[in-house]
Structures are given as C-alpha cells and as structure tokens.
Protein backbone atom coordinates (compact mmCIF):
# COMPACT_ATOMS: atom_id res chain seq x y z
CA MET A 1 5.60 -0.45 14.77
CA ALA A 2 8.84 0.36 16.58
CA ASP A 3 8.65 4.04 15.56
CA GLY A 4 5.11 4.47 16.99
CA SER A 5 3.34 4.21 13.64
CA VAL A 6 0.16 2.12 13.46
CA ILE A 7 -1.14 0.33 10.36
CA SER A 8 -4.68 -1.08 10.19
CA VAL A 9 -5.37 -3.39 7.27
CA ALA A 10 -8.79 -3.91 5.66
CA PRO A 11 -9.91 -7.48 4.89
CA ASP A 12 -8.75 -8.87 1.53
CA SER A 13 -5.85 -6.41 1.38
CA SER A 14 -2.39 -7.41 0.27
CA PHE A 15 0.70 -5.39 1.21
CA THR A 16 4.41 -5.88 1.70
CA VAL A 17 6.90 -4.08 3.91
CA ALA A 18 9.48 -3.15 1.27
CA SER A 19 11.81 -1.54 3.82
CA TYR A 20 11.68 -0.46 7.43
CA ASN A 21 14.72 1.49 8.56
CA ILE A 22 14.60 3.09 12.01
CA ASN A 23 18.21 3.63 13.08
CA GLY A 24 18.88 6.67 15.24
CA SER A 25 18.22 9.75 13.14
CA SER A 26 17.79 7.73 9.93
CA ARG A 27 14.11 6.87 9.51
CA ARG A 28 12.37 5.57 6.40
CA VAL A 29 9.38 3.29 5.87
CA LYS A 30 8.32 1.90 2.48
CA LEU A 31 5.26 -0.27 1.96
CA SER A 32 3.86 -1.73 -1.23
CA LEU A 33 0.05 -2.07 -1.43
CA ALA A 34 -1.04 -4.50 -4.15
CA GLN A 35 -4.75 -4.19 -3.34
CA GLY A 36 -7.06 -3.12 -0.55
CA VAL A 37 -7.04 -0.36 2.06
CA LEU A 38 -4.54 0.66 4.74
CA HIS A 39 -5.22 3.12 7.57
CA ILE A 40 -1.90 4.56 8.65
CA THR A 41 -1.04 6.72 11.61
CA SER A 42 2.55 7.51 10.72
CA ALA A 43 5.13 8.83 13.15
CA THR A 44 8.03 8.71 10.69
CA ARG A 45 8.88 10.81 7.69
CA PRO A 46 9.26 9.73 5.00
CA PHE A 47 6.58 7.06 5.24
CA GLU A 48 5.54 5.92 1.80
CA VAL A 49 3.09 3.48 0.28
CA SER A 50 3.46 2.51 -3.36
CA SER A 51 0.77 0.99 -5.57
CA ALA A 52 0.72 -0.03 -9.22
CA VAL A 53 -0.25 3.51 -10.29
CA GLY A 54 1.51 5.79 -7.81
CA THR A 55 3.13 6.49 -4.48
CA ALA A 56 1.67 8.21 -1.43
CA THR A 57 4.19 9.81 0.92
CA ALA A 58 3.50 11.44 4.29
CA SER A 59 5.23 14.80 4.00
CA SER A 60 4.42 15.98 7.51
CA ALA A 61 6.20 14.69 10.63
CA SER A 62 3.06 12.75 11.59
CA ALA A 63 -0.09 11.94 9.64
CA ASP A 64 -3.34 9.98 9.92
CA TRP A 65 -4.28 8.76 6.45
CA PHE A 66 -5.78 6.06 4.25
CA VAL A 67 -4.52 4.51 1.02
CA GLU A 68 -6.70 2.40 -1.26
CA SER A 69 -5.30 0.43 -4.20
CA LYS A 70 -7.48 -1.13 -6.89
CA ALA A 71 -6.65 -2.37 -10.37
CA GLY A 72 -5.67 0.74 -12.32
CA SER A 73 -6.33 3.30 -9.59
CA ALA A 74 -5.52 4.51 -6.09
CA ARG A 75 -7.13 6.87 -3.58
CA VAL A 76 -5.65 8.72 -0.63
CA ALA A 77 -7.63 10.37 2.16
CA VAL A 78 -6.01 12.41 4.95
CA LEU A 79 -7.45 12.93 8.43
CA ALA A 80 -4.39 14.77 9.83
CA GLY A 81 -1.11 15.95 8.33
CA ILE A 82 -0.18 16.22 4.66
CA VAL A 83 0.32 13.38 2.17
CA ASP A 84 1.68 13.71 -1.37
CA LEU A 85 0.28 11.47 -4.11
CA THR A 86 2.57 11.00 -7.13
CA SER A 87 1.89 9.27 -10.44
CA ASN A 88 4.40 6.50 -11.19
CA LEU A 89 4.22 7.01 -14.94
CA ILE A 90 4.29 10.78 -15.38
CA GLY A 91 5.72 11.92 -12.04
CA GLN A 92 3.12 14.61 -11.34
CA SER A 93 1.97 14.91 -7.75
CA ALA A 94 -0.69 16.52 -5.58
CA SER A 95 -0.41 17.48 -1.90
CA ILE A 96 -3.41 16.40 0.11
CA PRO A 97 -4.08 18.32 3.35
CA ALA A 98 -6.11 17.18 6.37
CA HIS A 99 -9.80 16.43 5.68
CA TRP A 100 -9.16 16.14 1.93
CA GLY A 101 -8.75 13.25 -0.49
CA ALA A 102 -7.60 12.59 -4.06
CA ARG A 103 -7.47 9.75 -6.56
CA LEU A 104 -5.08 8.64 -9.24
CA GLU A 105 -5.82 6.69 -12.42
CA ALA A 106 -3.15 4.68 -14.24
CA GLY A 107 -1.02 6.84 -16.56
CA ARG A 108 -2.61 10.13 -15.47
CA ALA A 109 -1.87 12.98 -13.09
CA PRO A 110 -3.62 12.86 -9.70
CA VAL A 111 -7.09 14.40 -9.70
CA LEU A 112 -7.04 17.68 -7.77
CA PRO A 113 -7.67 17.05 -4.06
CA ARG A 114 -11.07 17.95 -2.63
CA VAL A 115 -12.67 18.13 0.79
CA TRP A 116 -14.03 14.74 1.81
CA SER A 117 -17.28 14.32 3.71
CA GLN A 118 -17.32 12.52 7.03
CA MET A 119 -19.35 9.80 5.33
CA GLU A 120 -16.48 9.14 2.88
CA PHE A 121 -13.97 8.89 5.73
CA ASN A 122 -16.35 6.67 7.73
CA ALA A 123 -16.41 4.12 4.90
CA PHE A 124 -12.61 3.70 5.19
CA ILE A 125 -12.70 3.80 9.00
CA ARG A 126 -15.32 1.03 9.13
CA ILE A 127 -13.36 -1.40 6.97
CA THR A 128 -10.02 -0.84 8.73
CA GLN A 129 -11.19 -1.14 12.35
C-alpha cells in the first residue's frame, strides 16, 4: 500500500477497503473482513479491520498481525506491536501484545488474550503466504 503497509489475503477470504486516507499527516485505514484471514503488516495508525462481531485496531505505530473472521466469531493474533480487539455489540475491548492472541464471539466481550504457540502462528502464516 502507499503507506508501506502490506496485506496478505488467505484463499476464500472476502474483504473490502472501506476507506484509505493517507494525506500528509492525516492517516487512517479501514478494512471490512466478511470472512477469511488477513495478515497485515501495518505502517499506519489507526489501521482497523472490522468484522461482523468486532473491530481490531493497531494501536502501535507499526504492527504485524492476523485477523480471522468466521460466522459469529473473530480471532486476532499479534506477532509485533499491539492490537486492540473491541466487541461491536457491547463495546468492551482487549489489548493484545506481541506473541499473544485473542478471540471474540458474537455479543460477548473478547476472551482474555493469551500467549500463542509458534504452531498457532504458523497455521495463519501458511495460509496467507
């Protein structure tokens, strides 16, 4: 992308660029992920990905992260940086640091983040290469 961000899309994923505003000091990226997995190396803040159940937003200046959207749920995994996952319905959020992941079910608060194993990250890496 023009700001240096990179998005890798897994097969059978469906996403839309809702807005992409990179004008001087004003930077904002919004994507909408209907289904599938995105691997994002973001160079812009805020960089957000919304799904049917919640929104993931990179809260650090740069981040390397994954977002998965399925019917009724979403997962976020962070390799570098910090990403916030917020429930659309109740507005509660969780901050996910590097090497951690969290999930969100429809109508609920995000499950507390936990350390992810390399095997869990590898599953996302494999499908987005």
